[in-house]
């Protein structure tokens, strides 16, 4: 189940990375297009990029429509799982070396799982928002009027970043308030959301340990 879930989360990231590659090497791919008389290769290439962007938008919209509530359940169960592992580690009186080692391995695997999911959600937001800059680098000012119009429409769509929704509670990754560079924003954005899971896990862990002490 997780493999399919990872595929759905990662697929938009891969498509957006490919789209960025096409836009940043626009002249190279335009030169490889054989066109009929009267057609402009740059227009055809831009249409392909627009169609690819629209497919990514549609994919994310369908995912949010069908899996938004499931993302809420995943957020809750991830918090409970991490907290439960911490409870087992700290509150079990007689623990063998092997069982303690297996518990730590399971904790590490769980953390990696959350990192992969929330990092991918973070990449969707920032890769989609960076499309505006990539399409601007296509030397659009040297192209024909139709090309400029398509670029303008592309930038309007790219002006609204894509995101995976966690039900009514926001996106898979909350925007960082303080940032300097794009790379820093990506890390802060991911870190903010990932810490939400750890905070929820700690709250559950504190509740369980507090109950045991009563």
N, C-alpha and C. Protein backbone atom coordinates (compact mmCIF):
# COMPACT_ATOMS: atom_id res chain seq x y z
N UNK A 1 0.83 -1.20 0.00
CA UNK A 1 0.00 0.00 0.00
C UNK A 1 0.87 1.26 0.00
N UNK A 2 1.94 1.24 0.81
CA UNK A 2 2.83 2.39 0.88
C UNK A 2 3.51 2.65 -0.46
N UNK A 3 3.83 1.57 -1.19
CA UNK A 3 4.50 1.73 -2.48
C UNK A 3 3.61 2.52 -3.44
N UNK A 4 2.33 2.17 -3.49
CA UNK A 4 1.38 2.88 -4.35
C UNK A 4 1.21 4.32 -3.87
N UNK A 5 1.17 4.50 -2.57
CA UNK A 5 1.02 5.83 -1.98
C UNK A 5 2.23 6.70 -2.33
N UNK A 6 3.43 6.12 -2.22
CA UNK A 6 4.65 6.85 -2.57
C UNK A 6 4.66 7.24 -4.04
N UNK A 7 4.15 6.35 -4.88
CA UNK A 7 4.10 6.64 -6.32
C UNK A 7 3.22 7.85 -6.59
N UNK A 8 2.05 7.89 -5.97
CA UNK A 8 1.13 9.01 -6.18
C UNK A 8 1.75 10.33 -5.70
N UNK A 9 2.49 10.28 -4.61
CA UNK A 9 3.10 11.49 -4.06
C UNK A 9 4.28 11.95 -4.92
N UNK A 10 5.06 10.98 -5.40
CA UNK A 10 6.30 11.30 -6.11
C UNK A 10 6.09 11.62 -7.58
N UNK A 11 5.04 11.10 -8.17
CA UNK A 11 4.80 11.27 -9.61
C UNK A 11 4.77 12.74 -10.04
N UNK A 12 4.03 13.63 -9.35
CA UNK A 12 4.04 15.05 -9.76
C UNK A 12 5.43 15.68 -9.66
N UNK A 13 6.22 15.25 -8.68
CA UNK A 13 7.57 15.79 -8.52
C UNK A 13 8.41 15.47 -9.75
N UNK A 14 8.35 14.22 -10.19
CA UNK A 14 9.13 13.80 -11.36
C UNK A 14 8.69 14.55 -12.60
N UNK A 15 7.38 14.68 -12.80
CA UNK A 15 6.86 15.39 -13.97
C UNK A 15 7.26 16.86 -13.96
N UNK A 16 7.23 17.47 -12.79
CA UNK A 16 7.63 18.89 -12.69
C UNK A 16 9.13 19.06 -12.94
N UNK A 17 9.93 18.11 -12.49
CA UNK A 17 11.37 18.18 -12.75
C UNK A 17 11.66 18.06 -14.25
N UNK A 18 10.92 17.17 -14.93
CA UNK A 18 11.07 17.02 -16.38
C UNK A 18 10.66 18.31 -17.09
N UNK A 19 9.56 18.90 -16.64
CA UNK A 19 9.08 20.15 -17.24
C UNK A 19 10.09 21.27 -17.06
N UNK A 20 10.70 21.35 -15.88
CA UNK A 20 11.76 22.34 -15.66
C UNK A 20 12.93 22.11 -16.62
N UNK A 21 13.26 20.85 -16.83
CA UNK A 21 14.36 20.51 -17.74
C UNK A 21 14.06 20.98 -19.16
N UNK A 22 12.83 20.73 -19.61
CA UNK A 22 12.44 21.17 -20.95
C UNK A 22 12.52 22.68 -21.10
N UNK A 23 12.05 23.40 -20.09
CA UNK A 23 12.04 24.86 -20.16
C UNK A 23 13.45 25.45 -20.10
N UNK A 24 14.30 24.86 -19.29
CA UNK A 24 15.66 25.38 -19.16
C UNK A 24 16.53 25.04 -20.37
N UNK A 25 16.14 24.02 -21.12
CA UNK A 25 16.85 23.65 -22.35
C UNK A 25 15.90 23.78 -23.53
N UNK A 26 15.15 24.86 -23.53
CA UNK A 26 14.07 25.04 -24.49
C UNK A 26 14.58 25.09 -25.93
N UNK A 27 15.66 25.81 -26.17
CA UNK A 27 16.19 25.94 -27.53
C UNK A 27 16.67 24.60 -28.08
N UNK A 28 17.26 23.79 -27.21
CA UNK A 28 17.77 22.48 -27.65
C UNK A 28 16.62 21.60 -28.13
N UNK A 29 15.56 21.52 -27.34
CA UNK A 29 14.43 20.66 -27.72
C UNK A 29 13.61 21.25 -28.86
N UNK A 30 13.60 22.57 -28.96
CA UNK A 30 12.91 23.21 -30.08
C UNK A 30 13.61 22.88 -31.40
N UNK A 31 14.94 22.85 -31.36
CA UNK A 31 15.72 22.56 -32.57
C UNK A 31 15.50 21.12 -33.06
N UNK A 32 15.08 20.24 -32.17
CA UNK A 32 14.88 18.84 -32.55
C UNK A 32 13.50 18.58 -33.14
N UNK A 33 12.64 19.58 -33.13
CA UNK A 33 11.28 19.42 -33.65
C UNK A 33 11.26 19.71 -35.15
N UNK A 34 10.75 18.75 -35.93
CA UNK A 34 10.58 18.96 -37.36
C UNK A 34 9.15 19.44 -37.59
N UNK A 35 9.00 20.59 -38.21
CA UNK A 35 7.68 21.20 -38.36
C UNK A 35 7.31 21.32 -39.83
N UNK A 36 6.02 21.40 -40.07
CA UNK A 36 5.52 21.62 -41.42
C UNK A 36 5.62 23.10 -41.77
N UNK A 37 5.59 23.44 -43.06
CA UNK A 37 5.66 24.85 -43.45
C UNK A 37 4.54 25.66 -42.80
N UNK A 38 4.91 26.80 -42.25
CA UNK A 38 3.91 27.66 -41.61
C UNK A 38 3.84 27.48 -40.11
N UNK A 39 4.39 26.38 -39.60
CA UNK A 39 4.40 26.15 -38.16
C UNK A 39 5.70 26.65 -37.56
N UNK A 40 5.66 27.07 -36.35
CA UNK A 40 6.84 27.55 -35.64
C UNK A 40 7.19 26.53 -34.57
N UNK A 41 8.43 26.04 -34.60
CA UNK A 41 8.86 24.98 -33.69
C UNK A 41 8.73 25.41 -32.23
N UNK A 42 9.06 26.66 -31.95
CA UNK A 42 8.99 27.13 -30.56
C UNK A 42 7.55 27.11 -30.05
N UNK A 43 6.59 27.41 -30.91
CA UNK A 43 5.18 27.36 -30.51
C UNK A 43 4.75 25.94 -30.17
N UNK A 44 5.19 24.99 -31.00
CA UNK A 44 4.84 23.59 -30.77
C UNK A 44 5.44 23.10 -29.46
N UNK A 45 6.70 23.46 -29.22
CA UNK A 45 7.36 23.04 -27.98
C UNK A 45 6.68 23.64 -26.76
N UNK A 46 6.30 24.91 -26.86
CA UNK A 46 5.62 25.56 -25.74
C UNK A 46 4.26 24.92 -25.48
N UNK A 47 3.55 24.55 -26.55
CA UNK A 47 2.26 23.87 -26.38
C UNK A 47 2.44 22.55 -25.64
N UNK A 48 3.52 21.82 -25.95
CA UNK A 48 3.79 20.56 -25.26
C UNK A 48 4.05 20.80 -23.77
N UNK A 49 4.78 21.86 -23.47
CA UNK A 49 5.06 22.19 -22.07
C UNK A 49 3.77 22.57 -21.34
N UNK A 50 2.91 23.33 -22.01
CA UNK A 50 1.63 23.72 -21.41
C UNK A 50 0.76 22.50 -21.15
N UNK A 51 0.71 21.58 -22.12
CA UNK A 51 -0.08 20.36 -21.96
C UNK A 51 0.46 19.51 -20.81
N UNK A 52 1.77 19.44 -20.70
CA UNK A 52 2.39 18.69 -19.61
C UNK A 52 2.05 19.30 -18.26
N UNK A 53 2.09 20.63 -18.19
CA UNK A 53 1.75 21.33 -16.95
C UNK A 53 0.29 21.09 -16.58
N UNK A 54 -0.59 21.12 -17.56
CA UNK A 54 -2.01 20.89 -17.32
C UNK A 54 -2.27 19.48 -16.80
N UNK A 55 -1.51 18.50 -17.30
CA UNK A 55 -1.66 17.12 -16.83
C UNK A 55 -1.24 16.99 -15.37
N UNK A 56 -0.17 17.69 -15.01
CA UNK A 56 0.28 17.67 -13.61
C UNK A 56 -0.77 18.31 -12.71
N UNK A 57 -1.32 19.43 -13.15
CA UNK A 57 -2.37 20.11 -12.37
C UNK A 57 -3.57 19.19 -12.18
N UNK A 58 -3.98 18.53 -13.25
CA UNK A 58 -5.13 17.62 -13.19
C UNK A 58 -4.85 16.46 -12.25
N UNK A 59 -3.62 15.92 -12.31
CA UNK A 59 -3.25 14.80 -11.45
C UNK A 59 -3.34 15.20 -9.98
N UNK A 60 -2.79 16.38 -9.64
CA UNK A 60 -2.82 16.85 -8.25
C UNK A 60 -4.26 17.11 -7.80
N UNK A 61 -5.07 17.68 -8.68
CA UNK A 61 -6.48 17.95 -8.33
C UNK A 61 -7.24 16.65 -8.06
N UNK A 62 -7.02 15.65 -8.90
CA UNK A 62 -7.68 14.35 -8.71
C UNK A 62 -7.21 13.70 -7.42
N UNK A 63 -5.91 13.80 -7.15
CA UNK A 63 -5.36 13.22 -5.92
C UNK A 63 -5.98 13.88 -4.69
N UNK A 64 -6.05 15.20 -4.69
CA UNK A 64 -6.64 15.91 -3.55
C UNK A 64 -8.12 15.58 -3.39
N UNK A 65 -8.80 15.41 -4.49
CA UNK A 65 -10.23 15.11 -4.44
C UNK A 65 -10.50 13.73 -3.83
N UNK A 66 -9.62 12.78 -4.10
CA UNK A 66 -9.85 11.40 -3.67
C UNK A 66 -9.07 10.99 -2.43
N UNK A 67 -7.95 11.66 -2.15
CA UNK A 67 -7.08 11.21 -1.07
C UNK A 67 -6.87 12.26 0.02
N UNK A 68 -7.58 13.36 -0.05
CA UNK A 68 -7.38 14.42 0.94
C UNK A 68 -7.67 13.93 2.36
N UNK A 69 -8.79 13.23 2.54
CA UNK A 69 -9.13 12.72 3.87
C UNK A 69 -8.20 11.60 4.31
N UNK A 70 -7.71 10.83 3.34
CA UNK A 70 -6.76 9.77 3.67
C UNK A 70 -5.46 10.38 4.19
N UNK A 71 -5.08 11.55 3.67
CA UNK A 71 -3.88 12.22 4.15
C UNK A 71 -4.02 12.62 5.61
N UNK A 72 -5.24 12.97 6.02
CA UNK A 72 -5.48 13.30 7.43
C UNK A 72 -5.25 12.06 8.29
N UNK A 73 -5.79 10.93 7.85
CA UNK A 73 -5.61 9.68 8.59
C UNK A 73 -4.14 9.29 8.65
N UNK A 74 -3.43 9.51 7.55
CA UNK A 74 -2.00 9.18 7.53
C UNK A 74 -1.23 10.06 8.50
N UNK A 75 -1.61 11.34 8.57
CA UNK A 75 -0.96 12.26 9.50
C UNK A 75 -1.16 11.80 10.94
N UNK A 76 -2.40 11.40 11.27
CA UNK A 76 -2.72 10.97 12.63
C UNK A 76 -2.00 9.67 12.98
N UNK A 77 -2.09 8.69 12.07
CA UNK A 77 -1.48 7.39 12.38
C UNK A 77 0.05 7.49 12.42
N UNK A 78 0.63 8.39 11.64
CA UNK A 78 2.08 8.59 11.69
C UNK A 78 2.50 9.14 13.05
N UNK A 79 1.72 10.10 13.56
CA UNK A 79 2.01 10.67 14.87
C UNK A 79 1.88 9.61 15.97
N UNK A 80 0.82 8.81 15.89
CA UNK A 80 0.61 7.77 16.89
C UNK A 80 1.68 6.69 16.81
N UNK A 81 2.10 6.34 15.61
CA UNK A 81 3.11 5.30 15.45
C UNK A 81 4.44 5.72 16.05
N UNK A 82 4.87 6.96 15.74
CA UNK A 82 6.13 7.44 16.29
C UNK A 82 6.07 7.55 17.81
N UNK A 83 4.94 8.03 18.32
CA UNK A 83 4.78 8.15 19.77
C UNK A 83 4.77 6.78 20.44
N UNK A 84 4.10 5.82 19.82
CA UNK A 84 4.03 4.47 20.39
C UNK A 84 5.40 3.82 20.47
N UNK A 85 6.21 4.04 19.44
CA UNK A 85 7.56 3.48 19.46
C UNK A 85 8.37 4.09 20.60
N UNK A 86 8.23 5.40 20.79
CA UNK A 86 8.95 6.07 21.88
C UNK A 86 8.48 5.56 23.24
N UNK A 87 7.18 5.28 23.36
CA UNK A 87 6.64 4.74 24.60
C UNK A 87 7.24 3.38 24.89
N UNK A 88 7.33 2.54 23.86
CA UNK A 88 7.90 1.20 24.02
C UNK A 88 9.35 1.29 24.46
N UNK A 89 10.10 2.21 23.86
CA UNK A 89 11.52 2.34 24.19
C UNK A 89 11.74 2.82 25.62
N UNK A 90 10.94 3.77 26.07
CA UNK A 90 11.18 4.41 27.37
C UNK A 90 10.49 3.73 28.54
N UNK A 91 9.40 3.00 28.29
CA UNK A 91 8.59 2.49 29.40
C UNK A 91 8.67 0.99 29.59
N UNK A 92 9.30 0.29 28.66
CA UNK A 92 9.45 -1.16 28.83
C UNK A 92 10.57 -1.43 29.82
N UNK A 93 10.27 -2.21 30.85
CA UNK A 93 11.23 -2.42 31.93
C UNK A 93 12.32 -3.42 31.53
N UNK A 94 11.95 -4.56 31.01
CA UNK A 94 12.93 -5.58 30.63
C UNK A 94 13.03 -5.65 29.11
N UNK A 95 14.11 -5.13 28.59
CA UNK A 95 14.31 -5.09 27.15
C UNK A 95 15.63 -5.78 26.79
N UNK A 96 15.55 -6.71 25.86
CA UNK A 96 16.77 -7.37 25.39
C UNK A 96 17.46 -6.49 24.35
N UNK A 97 18.71 -6.79 24.12
CA UNK A 97 19.48 -6.00 23.15
C UNK A 97 18.88 -6.13 21.75
N UNK A 98 18.45 -7.34 21.40
CA UNK A 98 17.89 -7.57 20.06
C UNK A 98 16.57 -6.83 19.87
N UNK A 99 15.68 -6.91 20.88
CA UNK A 99 14.39 -6.22 20.75
C UNK A 99 14.57 -4.70 20.72
N UNK A 100 15.52 -4.20 21.51
CA UNK A 100 15.80 -2.77 21.52
C UNK A 100 16.35 -2.32 20.16
N UNK A 101 17.21 -3.16 19.59
CA UNK A 101 17.77 -2.85 18.28
C UNK A 101 16.70 -2.84 17.20
N UNK A 102 15.81 -3.83 17.22
CA UNK A 102 14.73 -3.89 16.23
C UNK A 102 13.79 -2.69 16.38
N UNK A 103 13.55 -2.28 17.63
CA UNK A 103 12.68 -1.12 17.86
C UNK A 103 13.30 0.15 17.29
N UNK A 104 14.60 0.32 17.49
CA UNK A 104 15.28 1.49 16.94
C UNK A 104 15.26 1.48 15.41
N UNK A 105 15.44 0.30 14.84
CA UNK A 105 15.39 0.18 13.37
C UNK A 105 14.01 0.57 12.85
N UNK A 106 12.98 0.08 13.54
CA UNK A 106 11.61 0.41 13.13
C UNK A 106 11.33 1.91 13.26
N UNK A 107 11.87 2.51 14.33
CA UNK A 107 11.73 3.96 14.50
C UNK A 107 12.42 4.71 13.37
N UNK A 108 13.60 4.26 12.99
CA UNK A 108 14.35 4.90 11.91
C UNK A 108 13.61 4.77 10.58
N UNK A 109 13.06 3.58 10.31
CA UNK A 109 12.30 3.37 9.08
C UNK A 109 11.07 4.26 9.05
N UNK A 110 10.40 4.41 10.19
CA UNK A 110 9.21 5.26 10.26
C UNK A 110 9.56 6.72 9.99
N UNK A 111 10.68 7.18 10.52
CA UNK A 111 11.11 8.56 10.30
C UNK A 111 11.45 8.79 8.83
N UNK A 112 12.13 7.81 8.22
CA UNK A 112 12.48 7.91 6.80
C UNK A 112 11.22 7.98 5.95
N UNK A 113 10.21 7.19 6.32
CA UNK A 113 8.94 7.21 5.58
C UNK A 113 8.32 8.60 5.60
N UNK A 114 8.27 9.20 6.79
CA UNK A 114 7.67 10.53 6.90
C UNK A 114 8.50 11.57 6.15
N UNK A 115 9.81 11.43 6.22
CA UNK A 115 10.68 12.36 5.49
C UNK A 115 10.39 12.29 4.00
N UNK A 116 10.29 11.09 3.47
CA UNK A 116 10.07 10.91 2.03
C UNK A 116 8.75 11.55 1.60
N UNK A 117 7.70 11.29 2.36
CA UNK A 117 6.37 11.81 2.00
C UNK A 117 6.34 13.33 2.07
N UNK A 118 6.79 13.90 3.19
CA UNK A 118 6.67 15.34 3.38
C UNK A 118 7.69 16.12 2.56
N UNK A 119 8.82 15.51 2.29
CA UNK A 119 9.78 16.15 1.40
C UNK A 119 9.22 16.21 -0.02
N UNK A 120 8.56 15.14 -0.46
CA UNK A 120 7.95 15.12 -1.80
C UNK A 120 6.84 16.16 -1.91
N UNK A 121 6.00 16.26 -0.86
CA UNK A 121 4.96 17.27 -0.86
C UNK A 121 5.53 18.67 -0.91
N UNK A 122 6.65 18.87 -0.22
CA UNK A 122 7.33 20.15 -0.23
C UNK A 122 7.87 20.48 -1.62
N UNK A 123 8.42 19.47 -2.30
CA UNK A 123 8.98 19.67 -3.63
C UNK A 123 7.90 20.03 -4.65
N UNK A 124 6.72 19.46 -4.50
CA UNK A 124 5.62 19.79 -5.41
C UNK A 124 5.31 21.29 -5.34
N UNK A 125 5.26 21.82 -4.13
CA UNK A 125 4.94 23.24 -3.95
C UNK A 125 6.00 24.12 -4.60
N UNK A 126 7.26 23.85 -4.31
CA UNK A 126 8.32 24.74 -4.77
C UNK A 126 8.69 24.55 -6.23
N UNK A 127 8.62 23.32 -6.73
CA UNK A 127 8.89 23.11 -8.16
C UNK A 127 7.81 23.77 -9.01
N UNK A 128 6.56 23.67 -8.56
CA UNK A 128 5.47 24.29 -9.32
C UNK A 128 5.55 25.81 -9.27
N UNK A 129 5.97 26.37 -8.15
CA UNK A 129 6.09 27.82 -8.05
C UNK A 129 7.30 28.35 -8.83
N UNK A 130 8.34 27.52 -8.99
CA UNK A 130 9.53 27.94 -9.72
C UNK A 130 9.37 27.86 -11.23
N UNK A 131 8.25 27.31 -11.71
CA UNK A 131 8.01 27.25 -13.15
C UNK A 131 7.96 28.64 -13.78
N UNK A 132 7.49 29.61 -13.01
CA UNK A 132 7.43 30.99 -13.51
C UNK A 132 8.82 31.46 -13.93
N UNK A 133 9.83 31.14 -13.12
CA UNK A 133 11.20 31.57 -13.42
C UNK A 133 11.78 30.78 -14.59
N UNK A 134 11.45 29.49 -14.65
CA UNK A 134 11.99 28.65 -15.73
C UNK A 134 11.45 29.07 -17.09
N UNK A 135 10.15 29.35 -17.17
CA UNK A 135 9.56 29.74 -18.45
C UNK A 135 10.04 31.14 -18.86
N UNK A 136 10.40 31.95 -17.90
CA UNK A 136 10.89 33.30 -18.20
C UNK A 136 12.26 33.24 -18.88
N UNK A 137 12.99 32.13 -18.68
CA UNK A 137 14.33 31.99 -19.25
C UNK A 137 14.32 31.44 -20.67
N UNK A 138 13.15 31.34 -21.29
CA UNK A 138 13.05 30.77 -22.64
C UNK A 138 13.30 31.80 -23.74
N UNK A 139 13.77 32.96 -23.42
CA UNK A 139 13.97 34.05 -24.40
C UNK A 139 12.68 34.36 -25.13
N UNK A 140 11.61 34.44 -24.37
CA UNK A 140 10.29 34.66 -24.95
C UNK A 140 10.19 35.99 -25.69
N UNK A 141 10.99 36.97 -25.27
CA UNK A 141 10.93 38.30 -25.90
C UNK A 141 11.42 38.28 -27.34
N UNK A 142 12.12 37.21 -27.74
CA UNK A 142 12.60 37.10 -29.11
C UNK A 142 11.63 36.32 -30.01
N UNK A 143 10.56 35.80 -29.41
CA UNK A 143 9.64 34.94 -30.16
C UNK A 143 8.46 35.74 -30.72
N UNK A 144 7.58 35.01 -31.43
CA UNK A 144 6.43 35.64 -32.07
C UNK A 144 5.33 35.96 -31.06
N UNK A 145 4.32 36.62 -31.53
CA UNK A 145 3.24 37.09 -30.65
C UNK A 145 2.48 35.93 -30.01
N UNK A 146 2.20 34.88 -30.79
CA UNK A 146 1.47 33.74 -30.24
C UNK A 146 2.26 33.07 -29.12
N UNK A 147 3.57 32.98 -29.30
CA UNK A 147 4.42 32.38 -28.27
C UNK A 147 4.36 33.21 -26.98
N UNK A 148 4.43 34.52 -27.12
CA UNK A 148 4.38 35.40 -25.94
C UNK A 148 3.05 35.25 -25.20
N UNK A 149 1.97 35.07 -25.97
CA UNK A 149 0.66 34.89 -25.34
C UNK A 149 0.62 33.58 -24.55
N UNK A 150 1.18 32.51 -25.13
CA UNK A 150 1.20 31.22 -24.44
C UNK A 150 2.05 31.29 -23.18
N UNK A 151 3.16 32.00 -23.24
CA UNK A 151 4.01 32.17 -22.06
C UNK A 151 3.25 32.91 -20.96
N UNK A 152 2.50 33.94 -21.35
CA UNK A 152 1.72 34.71 -20.37
C UNK A 152 0.68 33.82 -19.69
N UNK A 153 -0.01 32.99 -20.48
CA UNK A 153 -1.00 32.08 -19.91
C UNK A 153 -0.34 31.04 -19.00
N UNK A 154 0.82 30.56 -19.42
CA UNK A 154 1.56 29.59 -18.61
C UNK A 154 1.94 30.19 -17.27
N UNK A 155 2.41 31.43 -17.28
CA UNK A 155 2.83 32.09 -16.04
C UNK A 155 1.66 32.35 -15.11
N UNK A 156 0.49 32.60 -15.68
CA UNK A 156 -0.71 32.79 -14.85
C UNK A 156 -1.04 31.51 -14.10
N UNK A 157 -1.00 30.37 -14.82
CA UNK A 157 -1.29 29.08 -14.17
C UNK A 157 -0.21 28.72 -13.15
N UNK A 158 1.05 28.98 -13.52
CA UNK A 158 2.16 28.64 -12.63
C UNK A 158 2.22 29.57 -11.42
N UNK A 159 1.51 30.69 -11.48
CA UNK A 159 1.50 31.61 -10.35
C UNK A 159 0.79 31.06 -9.13
N UNK A 160 0.01 29.99 -9.31
CA UNK A 160 -0.66 29.33 -8.20
C UNK A 160 0.03 27.99 -7.93
N UNK A 161 0.88 27.92 -6.90
CA UNK A 161 1.62 26.68 -6.64
C UNK A 161 0.70 25.49 -6.37
N UNK A 162 1.12 24.33 -6.81
CA UNK A 162 0.37 23.10 -6.55
C UNK A 162 0.72 22.61 -5.16
N UNK A 163 -0.20 21.89 -4.54
CA UNK A 163 0.06 21.33 -3.22
C UNK A 163 -0.84 20.14 -2.95
N UNK A 164 -0.32 19.22 -2.16
CA UNK A 164 -1.10 18.08 -1.69
C UNK A 164 -1.76 18.48 -0.38
N UNK A 165 -3.07 18.33 -0.30
CA UNK A 165 -3.83 18.80 0.85
C UNK A 165 -3.97 17.71 1.92
N UNK A 166 -3.84 18.15 3.17
CA UNK A 166 -4.12 17.27 4.32
C UNK A 166 -5.50 17.62 4.82
N UNK A 167 -6.52 17.18 4.09
CA UNK A 167 -7.89 17.49 4.45
C UNK A 167 -8.10 18.99 4.54
N UNK A 168 -8.82 19.43 5.58
CA UNK A 168 -9.07 20.87 5.76
C UNK A 168 -7.95 21.57 6.54
N UNK A 169 -6.87 20.84 6.85
CA UNK A 169 -5.84 21.39 7.73
C UNK A 169 -4.67 22.01 6.99
N UNK A 170 -4.76 22.15 5.69
CA UNK A 170 -3.67 22.79 4.95
C UNK A 170 -3.02 21.84 3.97
N UNK A 171 -1.80 22.20 3.56
CA UNK A 171 -1.09 21.43 2.55
C UNK A 171 -0.03 20.55 3.19
N UNK A 172 0.52 19.66 2.37
CA UNK A 172 1.57 18.75 2.82
C UNK A 172 2.87 19.54 2.90
N UNK A 173 2.99 20.35 3.95
CA UNK A 173 4.10 21.26 4.09
C UNK A 173 3.59 22.68 4.20
N UNK A 174 3.92 23.38 5.26
CA UNK A 174 3.47 24.75 5.44
C UNK A 174 4.56 25.72 5.02
N UNK A 175 4.18 26.82 4.36
CA UNK A 175 5.20 27.76 3.87
C UNK A 175 6.02 28.36 5.00
N UNK A 176 7.31 28.47 4.77
CA UNK A 176 8.19 29.08 5.77
C UNK A 176 8.04 30.59 5.75
N UNK A 177 7.99 31.18 6.92
CA UNK A 177 7.81 32.63 7.00
C UNK A 177 9.13 33.37 6.78
N UNK A 178 10.21 32.81 7.29
CA UNK A 178 11.51 33.47 7.15
C UNK A 178 12.39 32.63 6.23
N UNK A 179 12.84 33.21 5.14
CA UNK A 179 13.69 32.48 4.20
C UNK A 179 14.56 33.47 3.44
N UNK A 180 15.70 32.96 2.98
CA UNK A 180 16.62 33.82 2.24
C UNK A 180 16.75 33.35 0.80
N UNK A 181 16.97 32.04 0.62
CA UNK A 181 17.12 31.49 -0.72
C UNK A 181 16.07 30.44 -0.95
N UNK A 182 15.95 30.01 -2.21
CA UNK A 182 14.97 28.97 -2.54
C UNK A 182 15.32 27.69 -1.82
N UNK A 183 16.60 27.35 -1.77
CA UNK A 183 17.00 26.13 -1.10
C UNK A 183 16.66 26.19 0.38
N UNK A 184 16.88 27.34 1.00
CA UNK A 184 16.55 27.51 2.41
C UNK A 184 15.04 27.41 2.62
N UNK A 185 14.26 28.00 1.71
CA UNK A 185 12.81 27.94 1.83
C UNK A 185 12.34 26.49 1.75
N UNK A 186 12.93 25.72 0.86
CA UNK A 186 12.53 24.32 0.73
C UNK A 186 12.76 23.57 2.03
N UNK A 187 13.96 23.78 2.63
CA UNK A 187 14.28 23.07 3.86
C UNK A 187 13.37 23.52 4.99
N UNK A 188 13.19 24.83 5.15
CA UNK A 188 12.34 25.34 6.22
C UNK A 188 10.90 24.90 6.06
N UNK A 189 10.44 24.89 4.82
CA UNK A 189 9.06 24.48 4.54
C UNK A 189 8.84 23.03 4.95
N UNK A 190 9.78 22.18 4.54
CA UNK A 190 9.68 20.77 4.91
C UNK A 190 9.80 20.59 6.42
N UNK A 191 10.77 21.29 7.03
CA UNK A 191 11.03 21.14 8.46
C UNK A 191 9.83 21.55 9.29
N UNK A 192 9.14 22.62 8.89
CA UNK A 192 7.97 23.09 9.64
C UNK A 192 6.90 22.02 9.70
N UNK A 193 6.62 21.41 8.55
CA UNK A 193 5.57 20.39 8.50
C UNK A 193 5.99 19.11 9.20
N UNK A 194 7.24 18.71 8.99
CA UNK A 194 7.72 17.48 9.61
C UNK A 194 7.70 17.61 11.13
N UNK A 195 8.00 18.79 11.64
CA UNK A 195 7.97 19.01 13.08
C UNK A 195 6.56 18.93 13.65
N UNK A 196 5.55 19.17 12.81
CA UNK A 196 4.17 19.02 13.27
C UNK A 196 3.90 17.58 13.69
N UNK A 197 4.40 16.64 12.90
CA UNK A 197 4.23 15.22 13.25
C UNK A 197 4.95 14.91 14.55
N UNK A 198 6.19 15.39 14.67
CA UNK A 198 6.95 15.13 15.89
C UNK A 198 6.28 15.77 17.10
N UNK A 199 5.70 16.96 16.91
CA UNK A 199 5.02 17.64 18.01
C UNK A 199 3.78 16.85 18.44
N UNK A 200 3.02 16.36 17.46
CA UNK A 200 1.84 15.56 17.77
C UNK A 200 2.24 14.26 18.44
N UNK A 201 3.34 13.66 17.98
CA UNK A 201 3.83 12.42 18.59
C UNK A 201 4.25 12.66 20.03
N UNK A 202 4.92 13.78 20.29
CA UNK A 202 5.36 14.10 21.65
C UNK A 202 4.16 14.34 22.56
N UNK A 203 3.11 14.96 22.04
CA UNK A 203 1.91 15.20 22.84
C UNK A 203 1.27 13.88 23.26
N UNK A 204 1.18 12.96 22.31
CA UNK A 204 0.61 11.65 22.61
C UNK A 204 1.50 10.90 23.59
N UNK A 205 2.82 10.99 23.39
CA UNK A 205 3.78 10.33 24.28
C UNK A 205 3.66 10.88 25.70
N UNK A 206 3.54 12.19 25.84
CA UNK A 206 3.39 12.81 27.16
C UNK A 206 2.09 12.38 27.83
N UNK A 207 1.03 12.24 27.03
CA UNK A 207 -0.26 11.81 27.57
C UNK A 207 -0.17 10.40 28.12
N UNK A 208 0.48 9.51 27.37
CA UNK A 208 0.59 8.11 27.80
C UNK A 208 1.45 7.99 29.05
N UNK A 209 2.62 8.65 29.05
CA UNK A 209 3.51 8.56 30.21
C UNK A 209 2.87 9.21 31.43
N UNK A 210 2.15 10.30 31.24
CA UNK A 210 1.46 10.96 32.35
C UNK A 210 0.38 10.08 32.94
N UNK A 211 -0.32 9.34 32.09
CA UNK A 211 -1.37 8.43 32.56
C UNK A 211 -0.78 7.29 33.37
N UNK A 212 0.39 6.80 32.93
CA UNK A 212 1.03 5.70 33.63
C UNK A 212 1.49 6.10 35.03
N UNK A 213 1.80 7.38 35.21
CA UNK A 213 2.31 7.84 36.51
C UNK A 213 1.20 8.09 37.52
N UNK A 214 -0.07 8.16 37.06
CA UNK A 214 -1.19 8.40 37.98
C UNK A 214 -1.51 7.16 38.81
